[in-house]
Protein backbone atom coordinates (compact mmCIF):
# COMPACT_ATOMS: atom_id res chain seq x y z
CA MET A 1 6.33 5.00 28.17
CA ASN A 2 2.73 4.21 29.08
CA ILE A 3 -0.06 4.76 26.56
CA VAL A 4 -2.69 7.29 27.61
CA ASP A 5 -4.69 7.49 24.39
CA VAL A 6 -5.38 5.71 21.11
CA ARG A 7 -7.58 7.97 18.99
CA PRO A 8 -8.83 8.06 15.42
CA VAL A 9 -8.54 11.05 13.11
CA ALA A 10 -10.73 10.96 10.00
CA LEU A 11 -10.08 13.49 7.24
CA THR A 12 -11.37 14.12 3.71
CA ALA A 13 -9.24 15.91 1.12
CA PRO A 14 -9.23 16.70 -2.60
CA TYR A 15 -7.74 13.90 -4.65
CA GLY A 16 -6.89 12.91 -8.18
CA MET A 17 -7.18 15.01 -11.31
CA GLU A 18 -9.47 15.56 -14.26
CA GLY A 19 -10.76 12.24 -15.55
CA ALA A 20 -10.21 10.34 -12.30
CA GLN A 21 -13.21 8.51 -10.90
CA THR A 22 -12.45 9.77 -7.38
CA ARG A 23 -12.02 13.51 -6.81
CA GLU A 24 -11.91 13.50 -3.04
CA ARG A 25 -10.72 10.82 -0.68
CA SER A 26 -10.98 10.10 3.01
CA ALA A 27 -8.32 8.67 5.25
CA VAL A 28 -8.39 7.42 8.83
CA PHE A 29 -5.29 7.90 10.93
CA VAL A 30 -4.60 6.71 14.45
CA GLU A 31 -2.65 8.69 17.03
CA VAL A 32 -1.07 6.80 19.93
CA GLU A 33 -0.08 9.15 22.75
CA THR A 34 2.07 8.42 25.79
CA ALA A 35 2.07 10.05 29.21
CA ASP A 36 4.85 12.46 28.28
CA GLY A 37 2.84 13.84 25.33
CA LEU A 38 4.73 12.03 22.55
CA VAL A 39 2.46 10.94 19.66
CA GLY A 40 2.94 8.19 17.09
CA LEU A 41 0.98 8.20 13.84
CA GLY A 42 -0.38 5.36 11.71
CA GLU A 43 -2.96 4.85 8.98
CA THR A 44 -5.41 2.07 8.13
CA TYR A 45 -6.32 1.34 4.53
CA LEU A 46 -9.80 0.55 5.79
CA GLY A 47 -10.22 4.31 6.17
CA VAL A 48 -10.50 4.77 2.41
CA TYR A 49 -13.43 2.42 1.95
CA MET A 50 -15.19 2.25 5.34
CA PRO A 51 -14.00 5.26 7.34
CA GLU A 52 -16.80 5.18 9.91
CA LEU A 53 -16.09 1.53 10.69
CA ALA A 54 -12.36 2.27 10.98
CA VAL A 55 -13.03 5.08 13.46
CA GLU A 56 -15.21 2.90 15.68
CA ALA A 57 -12.75 -0.01 15.56
CA ILE A 58 -9.91 2.25 16.72
CA ARG A 59 -12.06 3.45 19.61
CA ALA A 60 -12.84 -0.15 20.52
CA PHE A 61 -9.13 -1.07 20.51
CA ARG A 62 -8.26 1.78 22.88
CA GLN A 63 -9.19 -0.23 25.98
CA TYR A 64 -6.64 -2.93 25.12
CA PHE A 65 -3.76 -0.45 24.88
CA PHE A 66 -4.56 2.10 27.57
CA GLY A 67 -1.94 2.10 30.35
CA ARG A 68 0.31 -0.42 28.56
CA ASP A 69 4.02 0.04 27.85
CA ALA A 70 4.31 1.33 24.27
CA THR A 71 7.81 -0.06 23.76
CA ASN A 72 6.80 -3.75 23.68
CA ILE A 73 5.23 -3.60 20.22
CA ASN A 74 5.12 -7.31 19.50
CA ARG A 75 3.46 -8.11 22.83
CA LEU A 76 0.88 -5.36 22.36
CA TRP A 77 0.06 -6.58 18.85
CA ARG A 78 -0.25 -10.20 19.94
CA ASP A 79 -2.50 -9.42 22.90
CA ALA A 80 -4.83 -7.18 20.88
CA GLN A 81 -5.00 -9.68 18.04
CA TRP A 82 -5.77 -12.51 20.46
CA ILE A 83 -8.55 -10.56 22.18
CA THR A 84 -10.29 -9.86 18.86
CA SER A 85 -9.41 -13.08 17.06
CA TYR A 86 -12.84 -14.68 17.39
CA VAL A 87 -14.47 -11.83 15.43
CA GLY A 88 -11.50 -10.50 13.53
CA ARG A 89 -8.85 -13.13 12.86
CA THR A 90 -8.55 -11.57 9.39
CA GLY A 91 -10.11 -8.57 7.69
CA PRO A 92 -11.03 -5.08 8.95
CA THR A 93 -9.96 -5.42 12.59
CA VAL A 94 -6.53 -6.63 11.45
CA MET A 95 -6.23 -3.63 9.14
CA VAL A 96 -7.03 -1.29 12.03
CA LEU A 97 -4.63 -3.09 14.36
CA GLY A 98 -1.97 -2.62 11.69
CA ALA A 99 -2.44 1.15 11.86
CA ILE A 100 -1.96 1.09 15.63
CA GLU A 101 1.16 -1.06 15.29
CA CYS A 102 2.63 1.34 12.72
CA ALA A 103 1.91 4.23 15.09
CA LEU A 104 3.76 2.37 17.85
CA TRP A 105 6.82 2.04 15.59
CA ASP A 106 6.61 5.74 14.74
CA LEU A 107 6.36 6.53 18.44
CA ARG A 108 9.38 4.39 19.28
CA GLY A 109 11.44 6.01 16.54
CA LYS A 110 10.55 9.46 17.81
CA ARG A 111 11.38 8.37 21.34
CA GLU A 112 14.81 7.03 20.36
CA GLY A 113 15.55 9.68 17.75
CA LEU A 114 15.98 7.09 14.99
CA PRO A 115 14.28 6.23 11.68
CA VAL A 116 12.12 3.13 11.89
CA HIS A 117 14.25 1.22 9.37
CA VAL A 118 17.16 1.51 11.83
CA LEU A 119 14.98 0.08 14.60
CA LEU A 120 14.08 -2.81 12.28
CA GLY A 121 17.74 -3.76 11.92
CA GLY A 122 18.96 -1.25 9.36
CA ALA A 123 18.68 -0.66 5.64
CA VAL A 124 20.09 -3.35 3.35
CA HIS A 125 19.70 -1.12 0.27
CA ASP A 126 21.56 2.13 -0.39
CA ARG A 127 18.68 3.14 -2.67
CA LEU A 128 15.55 1.65 -4.20
CA PRO A 129 13.91 2.46 -7.55
CA LEU A 130 10.61 4.33 -7.40
CA TYR A 131 7.88 3.82 -9.95
CA ALA A 132 4.92 6.18 -10.39
CA SER A 133 1.49 4.69 -9.87
CA GLY A 134 -1.71 6.04 -11.39
CA GLY A 135 -3.23 5.64 -14.82
CA VAL A 136 -6.73 5.12 -13.46
CA PRO A 137 -9.26 3.27 -15.66
CA THR A 138 -11.53 6.28 -16.18
CA PHE A 139 -8.79 8.22 -17.97
CA ASN A 140 -9.21 8.46 -21.70
CA THR A 141 -6.13 7.55 -23.71
CA ALA A 142 -4.91 11.15 -23.94
CA GLN A 143 -5.20 11.62 -20.17
CA LEU A 144 -3.48 8.30 -19.56
CA VAL A 145 -0.60 9.19 -21.87
CA ASN A 146 -0.24 12.59 -20.20
CA HIS A 147 -0.06 10.91 -16.80
CA ALA A 148 2.67 8.57 -18.01
CA ARG A 149 4.50 11.52 -19.54
CA GLU A 150 4.35 13.31 -16.18
CA ALA A 151 5.98 10.28 -14.55
CA VAL A 152 8.78 10.37 -17.12
CA GLU A 153 9.33 14.11 -16.66
CA LEU A 154 9.52 13.66 -12.89
CA GLY A 155 12.24 11.06 -13.35
CA TYR A 156 10.47 7.91 -12.19
CA ASN A 157 11.87 4.55 -13.28
CA GLY A 158 8.52 3.18 -14.34
CA PHE A 159 4.76 3.55 -14.37
CA LYS A 160 1.82 1.44 -13.27
CA MET A 161 -1.58 1.91 -14.91
CA ARG A 162 -4.96 0.37 -14.19
CA ALA A 163 -7.04 -1.73 -16.51
CA ASN A 164 -10.79 -1.30 -16.34
CA PRO A 165 -11.58 -3.79 -13.56
CA VAL A 166 -15.14 -4.58 -14.62
CA ALA A 167 -15.15 -4.29 -18.43
CA TYR A 168 -13.28 -7.07 -20.18
CA GLN A 169 -11.83 -5.38 -23.28
CA PRO A 170 -8.48 -6.84 -24.40
CA GLU A 171 -8.16 -4.75 -27.57
CA VAL A 172 -8.84 -1.49 -25.75
CA GLU A 173 -6.44 -2.32 -22.91
CA ALA A 174 -3.74 -3.28 -25.42
CA GLU A 175 -4.11 0.01 -27.28
CA ARG A 176 -3.87 1.98 -24.06
CA ALA A 177 -0.87 0.05 -22.79
CA ILE A 178 1.00 0.34 -26.09
CA ALA A 179 0.37 4.11 -26.08
CA VAL A 180 1.89 4.32 -22.60
CA ARG A 181 4.83 2.15 -23.63
CA GLU A 182 5.62 4.60 -26.43
CA VAL A 183 5.82 7.41 -23.88
CA LEU A 184 7.91 5.41 -21.42
CA GLY A 185 10.35 4.13 -24.02
CA PRO A 186 11.96 0.69 -23.87
CA ASP A 187 13.95 1.12 -20.64
CA ARG A 188 11.32 2.14 -18.08
CA MET A 189 9.18 -0.57 -16.58
CA LEU A 190 5.42 -0.74 -17.18
CA ALA A 191 2.99 -2.70 -15.01
CA ILE A 192 -0.78 -3.07 -15.16
CA ASP A 193 -3.11 -3.53 -12.20
CA ALA A 194 -6.42 -5.14 -13.16
CA VAL A 195 -7.92 -4.60 -9.67
CA GLN A 196 -10.04 -7.76 -9.83
CA ASN A 197 -10.89 -7.54 -6.14
CA PHE A 198 -13.37 -4.82 -7.27
CA ASN A 199 -15.03 -7.00 -9.89
CA LEU A 200 -18.21 -8.74 -8.70
CA ARG A 201 -17.96 -10.97 -11.79
CA PRO A 202 -14.17 -11.37 -11.95
CA TRP A 203 -12.27 -12.66 -14.95
CA THR A 204 -11.44 -16.31 -15.46
CA VAL A 205 -7.94 -17.67 -15.94
CA LYS A 206 -8.72 -18.05 -19.63
CA GLN A 207 -9.76 -14.39 -19.91
CA ALA A 208 -6.68 -13.22 -18.01
CA LEU A 209 -4.42 -15.23 -20.33
CA SER A 210 -6.11 -13.83 -23.45
CA LEU A 211 -5.69 -10.30 -22.10
CA LEU A 212 -2.03 -10.94 -21.35
CA ASP A 213 -1.54 -12.18 -24.92
CA ALA A 214 -3.02 -8.92 -26.20
CA LEU A 215 -0.79 -6.91 -23.85
CA GLU A 216 2.43 -8.67 -24.84
CA PRO A 217 3.63 -5.86 -27.19
CA ALA A 218 3.59 -3.49 -24.18
CA ASP A 219 6.35 -5.55 -22.51
CA LEU A 220 4.92 -5.63 -18.99
CA ALA A 221 7.14 -5.98 -15.93
CA TRP A 222 4.22 -7.65 -14.15
CA ALA A 223 0.46 -8.18 -14.24
CA GLU A 224 -1.16 -7.32 -10.92
CA GLU A 225 -4.41 -8.71 -9.52
CA PHE A 226 -5.56 -10.18 -12.83
CA LEU A 227 -7.71 -12.58 -10.81
CA PRO A 228 -9.81 -12.12 -7.65
CA PRO A 229 -7.93 -12.63 -4.35
CA PHE A 230 -10.02 -15.58 -3.23
CA GLU A 231 -8.49 -18.79 -4.56
CA PRO A 232 -4.71 -19.37 -4.75
CA THR A 233 -5.04 -22.30 -7.17
CA GLN A 234 -6.35 -19.97 -9.88
CA TYR A 235 -3.25 -17.82 -9.50
CA VAL A 236 -1.06 -20.91 -9.61
CA GLU A 237 -2.60 -21.91 -12.94
CA LEU A 238 -2.31 -18.38 -14.34
CA ARG A 239 1.31 -18.12 -13.26
CA ARG A 240 2.11 -21.54 -14.80
CA ARG A 241 0.62 -20.62 -18.18
CA ALA A 242 1.47 -16.90 -18.43
CA ARG A 243 4.63 -15.48 -19.98
CA THR A 244 4.29 -12.33 -17.83
CA HIS A 245 5.21 -12.15 -14.14
CA ILE A 246 2.10 -12.40 -11.93
CA SER A 247 1.88 -10.27 -8.79
CA GLY A 248 -0.61 -9.88 -5.96
CA GLY A 249 -1.23 -10.06 -2.26
CA GLU A 250 -2.06 -6.48 -1.33
CA GLY A 251 -5.48 -7.38 0.05
CA ILE A 252 -4.37 -10.32 2.21
CA THR A 253 -4.58 -9.81 5.96
CA THR A 254 -2.16 -11.56 8.34
CA SER A 255 1.18 -13.10 7.48
CA THR A 256 -0.30 -16.56 8.08
CA ALA A 257 -2.76 -16.14 5.22
CA PHE A 258 -0.09 -14.56 3.05
CA ALA A 259 2.20 -17.54 3.62
CA GLN A 260 -0.48 -19.89 2.32
CA TRP A 261 -0.53 -18.03 -1.00
CA ILE A 262 3.26 -18.02 -1.22
CA LYS A 263 3.48 -21.71 -0.34
CA ALA A 264 0.92 -22.49 -3.04
CA GLY A 265 3.12 -20.78 -5.63
CA ALA A 266 0.56 -18.07 -6.47
CA PHE A 267 2.89 -15.12 -7.11
CA ASP A 268 6.03 -14.26 -9.02
CA ILE A 269 6.06 -10.97 -7.09
CA ALA A 270 4.56 -10.46 -3.61
CA GLN A 271 2.95 -7.16 -2.60
CA PRO A 272 2.24 -6.91 1.14
CA ASP A 273 1.24 -3.62 2.78
CA PRO A 274 1.55 -2.96 6.56
CA THR A 275 -1.67 -0.89 6.62
CA ILE A 276 -3.63 -3.87 5.29
CA ILE A 277 -1.89 -7.04 6.43
CA GLY A 278 -1.75 -6.07 10.09
CA GLY A 279 1.28 -3.87 10.61
CA ILE A 280 4.98 -3.63 9.87
CA GLY A 281 5.73 -6.83 11.76
CA GLU A 282 3.14 -8.85 9.83
CA ALA A 283 4.30 -7.42 6.50
CA ARG A 284 7.88 -8.27 7.39
CA ARG A 285 6.96 -11.84 8.28
CA ALA A 286 5.11 -12.18 4.97
CA ALA A 287 8.08 -10.82 3.03
CA GLU A 288 10.50 -13.11 4.84
CA PHE A 289 8.35 -16.11 4.01
CA ALA A 290 8.30 -14.96 0.38
CA ALA A 291 12.10 -14.78 0.45
CA LEU A 292 12.27 -18.39 1.63
CA HIS A 293 10.43 -19.29 -1.59
CA ASP A 294 12.54 -16.98 -3.80
CA VAL A 295 9.63 -14.59 -4.38
CA PRO A 296 10.73 -10.92 -4.57
CA VAL A 297 8.72 -8.10 -3.03
CA ALA A 298 7.33 -4.86 -4.45
CA MET A 299 5.67 -3.05 -1.55
CA HIS A 300 2.06 -1.94 -2.19
CA VAL A 301 1.39 1.77 -1.58
CA TRP A 302 -1.94 3.44 -2.24
CA GLY A 303 -2.57 5.52 0.85
CA SER A 304 -1.50 8.77 2.48
CA GLY A 305 1.88 9.68 3.97
CA PRO A 306 1.81 7.21 6.89
CA THR A 307 1.01 4.32 4.54
CA MET A 308 3.75 5.32 2.14
CA MET A 309 6.42 5.71 4.80
CA ALA A 310 5.58 2.48 6.64
CA ASN A 311 6.11 0.62 3.37
CA TYR A 312 9.27 2.53 2.50
CA HIS A 313 10.97 1.99 5.86
CA LEU A 314 10.15 -1.71 5.77
CA GLY A 315 11.15 -2.07 2.12
CA PHE A 316 14.65 -0.79 2.84
CA THR A 317 15.18 -3.60 5.38
CA LEU A 318 14.08 -6.41 3.03
CA PRO A 319 16.77 -7.94 0.79
CA GLY A 320 14.06 -9.16 -1.60
CA CYS A 321 12.44 -5.74 -2.09
CA PHE A 322 13.37 -4.46 -5.55
CA THR A 323 11.11 -1.44 -6.09
CA LEU A 324 8.74 0.96 -4.30
CA GLU A 325 5.40 2.36 -5.44
CA ARG A 326 4.76 6.13 -5.40
CA PRO A 327 1.16 7.18 -6.04
CA LEU A 328 0.93 10.08 -8.48
CA MET A 329 -2.59 11.20 -7.55
CA ASN A 330 -2.28 14.74 -6.11
CA ASN A 331 -3.08 13.67 -2.57
CA PRO A 332 -2.42 16.43 0.00
CA LEU A 333 -2.78 13.90 2.82
CA GLU A 334 0.36 12.33 1.42
CA THR A 335 2.52 15.41 0.97
CA GLU A 336 1.34 17.35 4.01
CA THR A 337 1.96 14.48 6.42
CA LEU A 338 5.61 14.04 5.46
CA VAL A 339 8.40 15.52 7.58
CA GLY A 340 10.64 17.12 4.96
CA GLU A 341 11.18 16.00 1.39
CA LEU A 342 12.00 12.48 0.26
CA GLU A 343 15.59 12.17 -0.98
CA ILE A 344 15.37 10.98 -4.58
CA GLU A 345 18.28 10.68 -6.98
CA SER A 346 17.78 9.58 -10.60
CA GLY A 347 14.40 8.10 -9.76
CA GLU A 348 15.73 6.15 -6.78
CA LEU A 349 14.80 6.73 -3.15
CA LEU A 350 17.48 6.97 -0.48
CA PRO A 351 16.81 5.59 3.02
CA PRO A 352 14.64 8.04 4.97
CA ARG A 353 16.52 10.04 7.59
CA ALA A 354 13.70 11.65 9.63
CA VAL A 355 13.00 10.05 13.00
CA GLY A 356 10.20 7.55 13.37
CA LEU A 357 8.34 7.04 10.12
CA GLY A 358 9.07 10.64 9.14
CA ILE A 359 5.42 11.69 9.37
CA GLN A 360 3.29 14.21 11.22
CA LEU A 361 -0.34 15.29 11.40
CA THR A 362 -0.57 18.96 12.31
CA ASP A 363 -3.55 20.82 13.67
CA GLU A 364 -3.48 22.88 10.48
CA THR A 365 -3.92 19.78 8.34
CA LYS A 366 -6.74 18.52 10.56
CA GLN A 367 -8.57 21.82 10.28
CA LYS A 368 -8.00 22.12 6.54
CA TYR A 369 -9.51 18.74 5.64
CA PRO A 370 -12.48 18.01 7.94
CA TYR A 371 -14.09 14.65 7.49
CA LYS A 372 -17.16 14.47 5.27
CA ALA A 373 -19.69 11.85 6.27
CA GLY A 374 -20.50 9.36 3.56
CA SER A 375 -17.21 10.00 1.75
CA ALA A 376 -16.10 6.38 1.44
CA SER A 377 -14.56 5.60 -1.94
CA ALA A 378 -16.10 2.96 -4.16
CA PHE A 379 -12.81 2.77 -6.00
CA GLY A 380 -9.97 4.92 -4.84
């Protein structure tokens, strides 16, 4: 099963809803094709924020995969990572390599007629709770409450909203969170993502703790990225002093770097993502290291269909995975890249049954959403 092409596909589609700061969003996919015409599909999270760079990086990687056997995924990943390690041991090149690796798993599943979670050893969960993710910071309170209400009406088991990542406003955030809690009721989980990786002047531990005190009436399941993802010791201090579970890790690339954060004791809940950390294999290694330290996993999902399904297939194979994120942002590049409907019962996802990752990228979709230059999201 020799590889004859590794090619990028950049698309731009409508996104979000009234009040959202981003109303269209780009994505960069990678197609890995073998000599018999079979195509695997992956996605890099870099495509949201630097799509042109993602496209060129995929083209640069092509030479390292061309003519190679697509079935030896670990060997291909290691060789490509070694070749680029001097300039890309972490960061963007790892994120792009992760998309290629996911595409290789999709390709193998299609080749063998099996879902990827079966290839990874099989599902260890009969079902996993889904929570809706949205509640963007530019929503006013009425829009935020309506978004949470939509999640309830759709049967999700919880909701994750965003705090304003750059304006420190504990009283305002508390009012918004309490309003959402009233809609969710006492039994559905509520989490808040403070997105401090976007803050050029991020909050201090003291500020994060004061905000968490203000948010206590909202009964949070976890507080996500309440500090910038630069220094584990800050997270360790926050986790030691906070009464709320502290989560993070979505922006970490490579399992080696992720392990350092886990070993430091930075997280109560770990949130790896194959399209960021370097692929399904790297995300699995990160999650297994978290399990060794009794840290549960909530997979991070904020991309299109290939991102979502890579996380879902992996999540079903991880004993420590306790919930899955489902973006509620009206993204056609999510829904139109899925093969069939997800099987959801009472807000819980059943193991996917479509072969590979259960994704496709049709010519119709490519033609419908042509890429718009300069469409990178500042926050998306």
